[in-house]
Amino acid sequence: MQRPLTHLAASTVLAIAAGPLMVASSMASTSDEALQSSAQEAINQSLGYRAKSITVTAENGTLILHGWVNGARQVSQARTVASTVPGATDVYSHLRIWSTFAE
């Protein structure tokens, strides 16, 4: 009978220790989803139709912009708008600029 009780006690200690980490991870995921949604909406409102190919991801408060735009001005505008969203700690741009030059 001693062994199952020891195993139960060890499991309980592990669950208590890991509980806050699991809750924090869940909260970060939820707040990242809200941050991502807010940033996407702000960029869409600011750039209008030019934002149609921009997508936003968020991880631990960091926003990452993906997609294609027509010029450096739109990259700058999207980064500026994203950086003003409450909760954003950093903004990284993986935006690419369409080229009209034929090679």
PDB file of N, CA and C in Angstrom:
ATOM      1  N   MET A   1       0.819  -1.197   0.000  1.00  0.00           N
ATOM      2  CA  MET A   1       0.000   0.000   0.000  1.00  0.00           C
ATOM      3  C   MET A   1       0.864   1.262   0.000  1.00  0.00           C
ATOM      4  N   GLN A   2       2.072   1.170   0.493  1.00  0.00           N
ATOM      5  CA  GLN A   2       2.973   2.322   0.552  1.00  0.00           C
ATOM      6  C   GLN A   2       3.303   2.846  -0.847  1.00  0.00           C
ATOM      7  N   ARG A   3       3.572   1.966  -1.779  1.00  0.00           N
ATOM      8  CA  ARG A   3       3.999   2.385  -3.111  1.00  0.00           C
ATOM      9  C   ARG A   3       2.935   3.213  -3.855  1.00  0.00           C
ATOM     10  N   PRO A   4       1.678   2.773  -3.928  1.00  0.00           N
ATOM     11  CA  PRO A   4       0.677   3.595  -4.619  1.00  0.00           C
ATOM     12  C   PRO A   4       0.498   4.969  -3.978  1.00  0.00           C
ATOM     13  N   LEU A   5       0.592   5.035  -2.661  1.00  0.00           N
ATOM     14  CA  LEU A   5       0.456   6.316  -1.980  1.00  0.00           C
ATOM     15  C   LEU A   5       1.618   7.239  -2.339  1.00  0.00           C
ATOM     16  N   THR A   6       2.820   6.683  -2.419  1.00  0.00           N
ATOM     17  CA  THR A   6       3.995   7.471  -2.802  1.00  0.00           C
ATOM     18  C   THR A   6       3.836   7.978  -4.232  1.00  0.00           C
ATOM     19  N   HIS A   7       3.361   7.104  -5.112  1.00  0.00           N
ATOM     20  CA  HIS A   7       3.150   7.495  -6.511  1.00  0.00           C
ATOM     21  C   HIS A   7       2.093   8.605  -6.613  1.00  0.00           C
ATOM     22  N   LEU A   8       1.031   8.472  -5.840  1.00  0.00           N
ATOM     23  CA  LEU A   8      -0.015   9.492  -5.820  1.00  0.00           C
ATOM     24  C   LEU A   8       0.523  10.818  -5.297  1.00  0.00           C
ATOM     25  N   ALA A   9       1.341  10.757  -4.245  1.00  0.00           N
ATOM     26  CA  ALA A   9       1.926  11.978  -3.688  1.00  0.00           C
ATOM     27  C   ALA A   9       2.844  12.638  -4.703  1.00  0.00           C
ATOM     28  N   ALA A  10       3.644  11.852  -5.410  1.00  0.00           N
ATOM     29  CA  ALA A  10       4.554  12.403  -6.425  1.00  0.00           C
ATOM     30  C   ALA A  10       3.761  13.031  -7.565  1.00  0.00           C
ATOM     31  N   SER A  11       2.698  12.381  -7.974  1.00  0.00           N
ATOM     32  CA  SER A  11       1.856  12.931  -9.046  1.00  0.00           C
ATOM     33  C   SER A  11       1.204  14.237  -8.621  1.00  0.00           C
ATOM     34  N   THR A  12       0.765  14.294  -7.373  1.00  0.00           N
ATOM     35  CA  THR A  12       0.131  15.507  -6.856  1.00  0.00           C
ATOM     36  C   THR A  12       1.118  16.662  -6.829  1.00  0.00           C
ATOM     37  N   VAL A  13       2.338  16.389  -6.348  1.00  0.00           N
ATOM     38  CA  VAL A  13       3.375  17.433  -6.302  1.00  0.00           C
ATOM     39  C   VAL A  13       3.687  17.920  -7.704  1.00  0.00           C
ATOM     40  N   LEU A  14       3.802  17.013  -8.657  1.00  0.00           N
ATOM     41  CA  LEU A  14       4.090  17.390 -10.037  1.00  0.00           C
ATOM     42  C   LEU A  14       2.957  18.239 -10.613  1.00  0.00           C
ATOM     43  N   ALA A  15       1.720  17.857 -10.366  1.00  0.00           N
ATOM     44  CA  ALA A  15       0.575  18.619 -10.875  1.00  0.00           C
ATOM     45  C   ALA A  15       0.525  20.010 -10.269  1.00  0.00           C
ATOM     46  N   ILE A  16       0.814  20.128  -8.985  1.00  0.00           N
ATOM     47  CA  ILE A  16       0.812  21.437  -8.327  1.00  0.00           C
ATOM     48  C   ILE A  16       1.924  22.311  -8.887  1.00  0.00           C
ATOM     49  N   ALA A  17       3.100  21.712  -9.107  1.00  0.00           N
ATOM     50  CA  ALA A  17       4.234  22.483  -9.626  1.00  0.00           C
ATOM     51  C   ALA A  17       4.011  22.912 -11.068  1.00  0.00           C
ATOM     52  N   ALA A  18       3.424  22.044 -11.878  1.00  0.00           N
ATOM     53  CA  ALA A  18       3.240  22.348 -13.300  1.00  0.00           C
ATOM     54  C   ALA A  18       1.990  23.177 -13.558  1.00  0.00           C
ATOM     55  N   GLY A  19       1.059  23.205 -12.639  1.00  0.00           N
ATOM     56  CA  GLY A  19      -0.199  23.917 -12.832  1.00  0.00           C
ATOM     57  C   GLY A  19      -0.038  25.357 -13.262  1.00  0.00           C
ATOM     58  N   PRO A  20       0.740  26.168 -12.519  1.00  0.00           N
ATOM     59  CA  PRO A  20       0.895  27.570 -12.936  1.00  0.00           C
ATOM     60  C   PRO A  20       1.515  27.716 -14.312  1.00  0.00           C
ATOM     61  N   LEU A  21       2.430  26.820 -14.678  1.00  0.00           N
ATOM     62  CA  LEU A  21       3.043  26.893 -16.004  1.00  0.00           C
ATOM     63  C   LEU A  21       2.017  26.603 -17.087  1.00  0.00           C
ATOM     64  N   MET A  22       1.156  25.637 -16.828  1.00  0.00           N
ATOM     65  CA  MET A  22       0.143  25.302 -17.809  1.00  0.00           C
ATOM     66  C   MET A  22      -0.874  26.424 -17.951  1.00  0.00           C
ATOM     67  N   VAL A  23      -1.246  27.043 -16.853  1.00  0.00           N
ATOM     68  CA  VAL A  23      -2.186  28.166 -16.901  1.00  0.00           C
ATOM     69  C   VAL A  23      -1.543  29.349 -17.609  1.00  0.00           C
ATOM     70  N   ALA A  24      -0.274  29.659 -17.306  1.00  0.00           N
ATOM     71  CA  ALA A  24       0.416  30.777 -17.944  1.00  0.00           C
ATOM     72  C   ALA A  24       0.525  30.552 -19.446  1.00  0.00           C
ATOM     73  N   SER A  25       0.829  29.322 -19.856  1.00  0.00           N
ATOM     74  CA  SER A  25       0.929  29.010 -21.271  1.00  0.00           C
ATOM     75  C   SER A  25      -0.416  29.194 -21.951  1.00  0.00           C
ATOM     76  N   SER A  26      -1.478  28.763 -21.295  1.00  0.00           N
ATOM     77  CA  SER A  26      -2.817  28.915 -21.849  1.00  0.00           C
ATOM     78  C   SER A  26      -3.187  30.390 -21.964  1.00  0.00           C
ATOM     79  N   MET A  27      -2.842  31.175 -20.951  1.00  0.00           N
ATOM     80  CA  MET A  27      -3.142  32.607 -20.978  1.00  0.00           C
ATOM     81  C   MET A  27      -2.350  33.297 -22.071  1.00  0.00           C
ATOM     82  N   ALA A  28      -1.068  32.925 -22.251  1.00  0.00           N
ATOM     83  CA  ALA A  28      -0.250  33.537 -23.290  1.00  0.00           C
ATOM     84  C   ALA A  28      -0.847  33.249 -24.658  1.00  0.00           C
ATOM     85  N   SER A  29      -1.322  32.032 -24.855  1.00  0.00           N
ATOM     86  CA  SER A  29      -1.919  31.666 -26.129  1.00  0.00           C
ATOM     87  C   SER A  29      -3.149  32.512 -26.406  1.00  0.00           C
ATOM     88  N   THR A  30      -4.004  32.676 -25.398  1.00  0.00           N
ATOM     89  CA  THR A  30      -5.214  33.473 -25.562  1.00  0.00           C
ATOM     90  C   THR A  30      -4.877  34.926 -25.829  1.00  0.00           C
ATOM     91  N   SER A  31      -3.942  35.497 -25.080  1.00  0.00           N
ATOM     92  CA  SER A  31      -3.598  36.896 -25.292  1.00  0.00           C
ATOM     93  C   SER A  31      -2.877  37.085 -26.625  1.00  0.00           C
ATOM     94  N   ASP A  32      -2.096  36.096 -27.052  1.00  0.00           N
ATOM     95  CA  ASP A  32      -1.465  36.186 -28.368  1.00  0.00           C
ATOM     96  C   ASP A  32      -2.507  36.165 -29.472  1.00  0.00           C
ATOM     97  N   GLU A  33      -3.545  35.360 -29.299  1.00  0.00           N
ATOM     98  CA  GLU A  33      -4.610  35.322 -30.295  1.00  0.00           C
ATOM     99  C   GLU A  33      -5.325  36.672 -30.370  1.00  0.00           C
ATOM    100  N   ALA A  34      -5.580  37.275 -29.217  1.00  0.00           N
ATOM    101  CA  ALA A  34      -6.226  38.590 -29.193  1.00  0.00           C
ATOM    102  C   ALA A  34      -5.310  39.649 -29.794  1.00  0.00           C
ATOM    103  N   LEU A  35      -4.020  39.580 -29.475  1.00  0.00           N
ATOM    104  CA  LEU A  35      -3.042  40.527 -30.018  1.00  0.00           C
ATOM    105  C   LEU A  35      -2.964  40.391 -31.531  1.00  0.00           C
ATOM    106  N   GLN A  36      -2.901  39.167 -32.002  1.00  0.00           N
ATOM    107  CA  GLN A  36      -2.837  38.904 -33.441  1.00  0.00           C
ATOM    108  C   GLN A  36      -4.064  39.469 -34.149  1.00  0.00           C
ATOM    109  N   SER A  37      -5.222  39.229 -33.574  1.00  0.00           N
ATOM    110  CA  SER A  37      -6.467  39.724 -34.156  1.00  0.00           C
ATOM    111  C   SER A  37      -6.511  41.252 -34.168  1.00  0.00           C
ATOM    112  N   SER A  38      -6.101  41.868 -33.071  1.00  0.00           N
ATOM    113  CA  SER A  38      -6.103  43.336 -32.983  1.00  0.00           C
ATOM    114  C   SER A  38      -5.138  43.947 -33.994  1.00  0.00           C
ATOM    115  N   ALA A  39      -3.960  43.347 -34.117  1.00  0.00           N
ATOM    116  CA  ALA A  39      -2.966  43.867 -35.053  1.00  0.00           C
ATOM    117  C   ALA A  39      -3.431  43.716 -36.491  1.00  0.00           C
ATOM    118  N   GLN A  40      -4.012  42.552 -36.800  1.00  0.00           N
ATOM    119  CA  GLN A  40      -4.508  42.330 -38.165  1.00  0.00           C
ATOM    120  C   GLN A  40      -5.597  43.344 -38.507  1.00  0.00           C
ATOM    121  N   GLU A  41      -6.502  43.574 -37.567  1.00  0.00           N
ATOM    122  CA  GLU A  41      -7.581  44.538 -37.789  1.00  0.00           C
ATOM    123  C   GLU A  41      -7.033  45.954 -37.969  1.00  0.00           C
ATOM    124  N   ALA A  42      -6.067  46.338 -37.139  1.00  0.00           N
ATOM    125  CA  ALA A  42      -5.488  47.686 -37.244  1.00  0.00           C
ATOM    126  C   ALA A  42      -4.780  47.888 -38.585  1.00  0.00           C
ATOM    127  N   ILE A  43      -4.055  46.876 -39.026  1.00  0.00           N
ATOM    128  CA  ILE A  43      -3.351  46.971 -40.318  1.00  0.00           C
ATOM    129  C   ILE A  43      -4.362  47.031 -41.456  1.00  0.00           C
ATOM    130  N   ASN A  44      -5.396  46.204 -41.380  1.00  0.00           N
ATOM    131  CA  ASN A  44      -6.427  46.220 -42.427  1.00  0.00           C
ATOM    132  C   ASN A  44      -7.107  47.578 -42.511  1.00  0.00           C
ATOM    133  N   GLN A  45      -7.404  48.187 -41.360  1.00  0.00           N
ATOM    134  CA  GLN A  45      -8.050  49.503 -41.365  1.00  0.00           C
ATOM    135  C   GLN A  45      -7.115  50.577 -41.898  1.00  0.00           C
ATOM    136  N   SER A  46      -5.849  50.500 -41.531  1.00  0.00           N
ATOM    137  CA  SER A  46      -4.900  51.537 -41.929  1.00  0.00           C
ATOM    138  C   SER A  46      -4.526  51.450 -43.412  1.00  0.00           C
ATOM    139  N   LEU A  47      -4.255  50.250 -43.898  1.00  0.00           N
ATOM    140  CA  LEU A  47      -3.799  50.087 -45.272  1.00  0.00           C
ATOM    141  C   LEU A  47      -4.925  49.789 -46.245  1.00  0.00           C
ATOM    142  N   GLY A  48      -6.105  49.483 -45.734  1.00  0.00           N
ATOM    143  CA  GLY A  48      -7.240  49.198 -46.610  1.00  0.00           C
ATOM    144  C   GLY A  48      -6.984  48.005 -47.506  1.00  0.00           C
ATOM    145  N   TYR A  49      -7.349  48.130 -48.777  1.00  0.00           N
ATOM    146  CA  TYR A  49      -7.210  47.026 -49.724  1.00  0.00           C
ATOM    147  C   TYR A  49      -5.756  46.600 -49.893  1.00  0.00           C
ATOM    148  N   ARG A  50      -4.807  47.493 -49.607  1.00  0.00           N
ATOM    149  CA  ARG A  50      -3.386  47.151 -49.767  1.00  0.00           C
ATOM    150  C   ARG A  50      -2.919  46.149 -48.720  1.00  0.00           C
ATOM    151  N   ALA A  51      -3.728  45.923 -47.687  1.00  0.00           N
ATOM    152  CA  ALA A  51      -3.358  44.988 -46.627  1.00  0.00           C
ATOM    153  C   ALA A  51      -3.862  43.577 -46.905  1.00  0.00           C
ATOM    154  N   LYS A  52      -4.502  43.364 -48.048  1.00  0.00           N
ATOM    155  CA  LYS A  52      -5.158  42.079 -48.303  1.00  0.00           C
ATOM    156  C   LYS A  52      -4.196  40.894 -48.287  1.00  0.00           C
ATOM    157  N   SER A  53      -2.931  41.102 -48.574  1.00  0.00           N
ATOM    158  CA  SER A  53      -1.992  39.979 -48.580  1.00  0.00           C
ATOM    159  C   SER A  53      -1.068  39.984 -47.360  1.00  0.00           C
ATOM    160  N   ILE A  54      -1.389  40.797 -46.359  1.00  0.00           N
ATOM    161  CA  ILE A  54      -0.590  40.823 -45.133  1.00  0.00           C
ATOM    162  C   ILE A  54      -1.274  39.977 -44.070  1.00  0.00           C
ATOM    163  N   THR A  55      -0.512  39.080 -43.475  1.00  0.00           N
ATOM    164  CA  THR A  55      -1.019  38.305 -42.343  1.00  0.00           C
ATOM    165  C   THR A  55      -0.127  38.561 -41.141  1.00  0.00           C
ATOM    166  N   VAL A  56      -0.699  38.404 -39.970  1.00  0.00           N
ATOM    167  CA  VAL A  56       0.008  38.676 -38.720  1.00  0.00           C
ATOM    168  C   VAL A  56      -0.012  37.426 -37.865  1.00  0.00           C
ATOM    169  N   THR A  57       1.131  37.109 -37.266  1.00  0.00           N
ATOM    170  CA  THR A  57       1.191  36.073 -36.243  1.00  0.00           C
ATOM    171  C   THR A  57       1.739  36.715 -34.975  1.00  0.00           C
ATOM    172  N   ALA A  58       1.419  36.118 -33.828  1.00  0.00           N
ATOM    173  CA  ALA A  58       1.884  36.651 -32.546  1.00  0.00           C
ATOM    174  C   ALA A  58       2.395  35.506 -31.680  1.00  0.00           C
ATOM    175  N   GLU A  59       3.495  35.782 -30.980  1.00  0.00           N
ATOM    176  CA  GLU A  59       4.037  34.809 -30.044  1.00  0.00           C
ATOM    177  C   GLU A  59       4.679  35.551 -28.886  1.00  0.00           C
ATOM    178  N   ASN A  60       4.119  35.368 -27.712  1.00  0.00           N
ATOM    179  CA  ASN A  60       4.621  36.020 -26.493  1.00  0.00           C
ATOM    180  C   ASN A  60       4.723  37.531 -26.642  1.00  0.00           C
ATOM    181  N   GLY A  61       3.756  38.139 -27.300  1.00  0.00           N
ATOM    182  CA  GLY A  61       3.728  39.584 -27.457  1.00  0.00           C
ATOM    183  C   GLY A  61       4.470  40.113 -28.668  1.00  0.00           C
ATOM    184  N   THR A  62       5.191  39.241 -29.355  1.00  0.00           N
ATOM    185  CA  THR A  62       5.929  39.654 -30.550  1.00  0.00           C
ATOM    186  C   THR A  62       5.075  39.416 -31.781  1.00  0.00           C
ATOM    187  N   LEU A  63       4.916  40.453 -32.588  1.00  0.00           N
ATOM    188  CA  LEU A  63       4.147  40.357 -33.824  1.00  0.00           C
ATOM    189  C   LEU A  63       5.087  40.130 -34.994  1.00  0.00           C
ATOM    190  N   ILE A  64       4.680  39.242 -35.898  1.00  0.00           N
ATOM    191  CA  ILE A  64       5.456  38.989 -37.111  1.00  0.00           C
ATOM    192  C   ILE A  64       4.525  39.199 -38.296  1.00  0.00           C
ATOM    193  N   LEU A  65       4.934  40.074 -39.195  1.00  0.00           N
ATOM    194  CA  LEU A  65       4.148  40.403 -40.384  1.00  0.00           C
ATOM    195  C   LEU A  65       4.654  39.576 -41.559  1.00  0.00           C
ATOM    196  N   HIS A  66       3.725  38.958 -42.296  1.00  0.00           N
ATOM    197  CA  HIS A  66       4.061  38.126 -43.441  1.00  0.00           C
ATOM    198  C   HIS A  66       3.269  38.606 -44.644  1.00  0.00           C
ATOM    199  N   GLY A  67       3.802  38.384 -45.831  1.00  0.00           N
ATOM    200  CA  GLY A  67       3.047  38.663 -47.037  1.00  0.00           C
ATOM    201  C   GLY A  67       3.800  39.542 -48.016  1.00  0.00           C
ATOM    202  N   TRP A  68       3.050  40.055 -48.967  1.00  0.00           N
ATOM    203  CA  TRP A  68       3.604  40.863 -50.049  1.00  0.00           C
ATOM    204  C   TRP A  68       2.934  42.229 -50.078  1.00  0.00           C
ATOM    205  N   VAL A  69       3.743  43.268 -50.346  1.00  0.00           N
ATOM    206  CA  VAL A  69       3.229  44.634 -50.475  1.00  0.00           C
ATOM    207  C   VAL A  69       3.836  45.274 -51.718  1.00  0.00           C
ATOM    208  N   ASN A  70       3.353  46.466 -52.052  1.00  0.00           N
ATOM    209  CA  ASN A  70       3.802  47.139 -53.278  1.00  0.00           C
ATOM    210  C   ASN A  70       5.026  48.023 -53.105  1.00  0.00           C
ATOM    211  N   GLY A  71       5.436  48.306 -51.875  1.00  0.00           N
ATOM    212  CA  GLY A  71       6.591  49.177 -51.711  1.00  0.00           C
ATOM    213  C   GLY A  71       7.025  49.316 -50.260  1.00  0.00           C
ATOM    214  N   ALA A  72       8.158  49.954 -50.088  1.00  0.00           N
ATOM    215  CA  ALA A  72       8.738  50.137 -48.761  1.00  0.00           C
ATOM    216  C   ALA A  72       7.835  50.976 -47.853  1.00  0.00           C
ATOM    217  N   ARG A  73       7.090  51.890 -48.462  1.00  0.00           N
ATOM    218  CA  ARG A  73       6.187  52.733 -47.668  1.00  0.00           C
ATOM    219  C   ARG A  73       5.124  51.892 -46.953  1.00  0.00           C
ATOM    220  N   GLN A  74       4.610  50.877 -47.633  1.00  0.00           N
ATOM    221  CA  GLN A  74       3.613  50.005 -47.023  1.00  0.00           C
ATOM    222  C   GLN A  74       4.229  49.122 -45.930  1.00  0.00           C
ATOM    223  N   VAL A  75       5.469  48.701 -46.127  1.00  0.00           N
ATOM    224  CA  VAL A  75       6.168  47.937 -45.084  1.00  0.00           C
ATOM    225  C   VAL A  75       6.282  48.796 -43.836  1.00  0.00           C
ATOM    226  N   SER A  76       6.730  50.020 -44.018  1.00  0.00           N
ATOM    227  CA  SER A  76       6.894  50.940 -42.898  1.00  0.00           C
ATOM    228  C   SER A  76       5.567  51.224 -42.204  1.00  0.00           C
ATOM    229  N   GLN A  77       4.533  51.454 -42.996  1.00  0.00           N
ATOM    230  CA  GLN A  77       3.221  51.757 -42.431  1.00  0.00           C
ATOM    231  C   GLN A  77       2.686  50.564 -41.633  1.00  0.00           C
ATOM    232  N   ALA A  78       2.813  49.366 -42.168  1.00  0.00           N
ATOM    233  CA  ALA A  78       2.324  48.171 -41.471  1.00  0.00           C
ATOM    234  C   ALA A  78       3.077  47.957 -40.164  1.00  0.00           C
ATOM    235  N   ARG A  79       4.401  48.148 -40.191  1.00  0.00           N
ATOM    236  CA  ARG A  79       5.197  47.988 -38.966  1.00  0.00           C
ATOM    237  C   ARG A  79       4.821  49.039 -37.929  1.00  0.00           C
ATOM    238  N   THR A  80       4.629  50.264 -38.366  1.00  0.00           N
ATOM    239  CA  THR A  80       4.267  51.347 -37.442  1.00  0.00           C
ATOM    240  C   THR A  80       2.917  51.074 -36.797  1.00  0.00           C
ATOM    241  N   VAL A  81       1.941  50.690 -37.602  1.00  0.00           N
ATOM    242  CA  VAL A  81       0.612  50.405 -37.078  1.00  0.00           C
ATOM    243  C   VAL A  81       0.676  49.238 -36.095  1.00  0.00           C
ATOM    244  N   ALA A  82       1.373  48.172 -36.456  1.00  0.00           N
ATOM    245  CA  ALA A  82       1.467  46.998 -35.578  1.00  0.00           C
ATOM    246  C   ALA A  82       2.142  47.346 -34.254  1.00  0.00           C
ATOM    247  N   SER A  83       3.128  48.221 -34.298  1.00  0.00           N
ATOM    248  CA  SER A  83       3.866  48.560 -33.071  1.00  0.00           C
ATOM    249  C   SER A  83       3.020  49.375 -32.096  1.00  0.00           C
ATOM    250  N   THR A  84       1.928  49.975 -32.577  1.00  0.00           N
ATOM    251  CA  THR A  84       1.079  50.774 -31.690  1.00  0.00           C
ATOM    252  C   THR A  84      -0.057  49.967 -31.060  1.00  0.00           C
ATOM    253  N   VAL A  85      -0.189  48.705 -31.436  1.00  0.00           N
ATOM    254  CA  VAL A  85      -1.250  47.860 -30.877  1.00  0.00           C
ATOM    255  C   VAL A  85      -0.902  47.549 -29.419  1.00  0.00           C
ATOM    256  N   PRO A  86      -1.823  47.807 -28.489  1.00  0.00           N
ATOM    257  CA  PRO A  86      -1.550  47.521 -27.077  1.00  0.00           C
ATOM    258  C   PRO A  86      -1.200  46.052 -26.864  1.00  0.00           C
ATOM    259  N   GLY A  87      -0.110  45.818 -26.158  1.00  0.00           N
ATOM    260  CA  GLY A  87       0.342  44.457 -25.874  1.00  0.00           C
ATOM    261  C   GLY A  87       1.475  43.998 -26.761  1.00  0.00           C
ATOM    262  N   ALA A  88       1.724  44.713 -27.856  1.00  0.00           N
ATOM    263  CA  ALA A  88       2.825  44.340 -28.752  1.00  0.00           C
ATOM    264  C   ALA A  88       4.152  44.757 -28.124  1.00  0.00           C
ATOM    265  N   THR A  89       5.056  43.802 -27.993  1.00  0.00           N
ATOM    266  CA  THR A  89       6.367  44.110 -27.414  1.00  0.00           C
ATOM    267  C   THR A  89       7.422  44.329 -28.488  1.00  0.00           C
ATOM    268  N   ASP A  90       7.316  43.609 -29.598  1.00  0.00           N
ATOM    269  CA  ASP A  90       8.229  43.741 -30.735  1.00  0.00           C
ATOM    270  C   ASP A  90       7.449  43.498 -32.007  1.00  0.00           C
ATOM    271  N   VAL A  91       7.953  44.029 -33.110  1.00  0.00           N
ATOM    272  CA  VAL A  91       7.352  43.768 -34.417  1.00  0.00           C
ATOM    273  C   VAL A  91       8.466  43.423 -35.389  1.00  0.00           C
ATOM    274  N   TYR A  92       8.327  42.279 -36.023  1.00  0.00           N
ATOM    275  CA  TYR A  92       9.276  41.855 -37.054  1.00  0.00           C
ATOM    276  C   TYR A  92       8.539  41.775 -38.370  1.00  0.00           C
ATOM    277  N   SER A  93       9.193  42.214 -39.426  1.00  0.00           N
ATOM    278  CA  SER A  93       8.570  42.196 -40.741  1.00  0.00           C
ATOM    279  C   SER A  93       9.231  41.151 -41.627  1.00  0.00           C
ATOM    280  N   HIS A  94       8.407  40.249 -42.115  1.00  0.00           N
ATOM    281  CA  HIS A  94       8.824  39.321 -43.156  1.00  0.00           C
ATOM    282  C   HIS A  94       8.075  39.666 -44.432  1.00  0.00           C
ATOM    283  N   LEU A  95       7.705  40.944 -44.556  1.00  0.00           N
ATOM    284  CA  LEU A  95       6.990  41.405 -45.739  1.00  0.00           C
ATOM    285  C   LEU A  95       7.946  41.482 -46.916  1.00  0.00           C
ATOM    286  N   ARG A  96       7.455  41.114 -48.068  1.00  0.00           N
ATOM    287  CA  ARG A  96       8.236  41.164 -49.297  1.00  0.00           C
ATOM    288  C   ARG A  96       7.619  42.211 -50.216  1.00  0.00           C
ATOM    289  N   ILE A  97       8.446  42.817 -51.026  1.00  0.00           N
ATOM    290  CA  ILE A  97       7.980  43.854 -51.943  1.00  0.00           C
ATOM    291  C   ILE A  97       7.926  43.279 -53.354  1.00  0.00           C
ATOM    292  N   TRP A  98       6.752  43.459 -53.991  1.00  0.00           N
ATOM    293  CA  TRP A  98       6.598  43.027 -55.371  1.00  0.00           C
ATOM    294  C   TRP A  98       7.566  43.800 -56.261  1.00  0.00           C
ATOM    295  N   SER A  99       8.158  43.152 -57.187  1.00  0.00           N
ATOM    296  CA  SER A  99       9.035  43.808 -58.132  1.00  0.00           C
ATOM    297  C   SER A  99       8.351  43.878 -59.492  1.00  0.00           C
ATOM    298  N   THR A 100       8.462  45.024 -60.132  1.00  0.00           N
ATOM    299  CA  THR A 100       7.874  45.177 -61.464  1.00  0.00           C
ATOM    300  C   THR A 100       8.940  45.084 -62.555  1.00  0.00           C
ATOM    301  N   PHE A 101      10.166  44.844 -62.136  1.00  0.00           N
ATOM    302  CA  PHE A 101      11.257  44.758 -63.100  1.00  0.00           C
ATOM    303  C   PHE A 101      11.380  43.329 -63.629  1.00  0.00           C
ATOM    304  N   ALA A 102      11.459  43.190 -64.929  1.00  0.00           N
ATOM    305  CA  ALA A 102      11.663  41.866 -65.540  1.00  0.00           C
ATOM    306  C   ALA A 102      13.147  41.602 -65.633  1.00  0.00           C
ATOM    307  N   GLU A 103      13.513  40.387 -65.345  1.00  0.00           N
ATOM    308  CA  GLU A 103      14.952  40.027 -65.435  1.00  0.00           C
ATOM    309  C   GLU A 103      15.221  39.202 -66.639  1.00  0.00           C
TER     310      GLU A 103
END
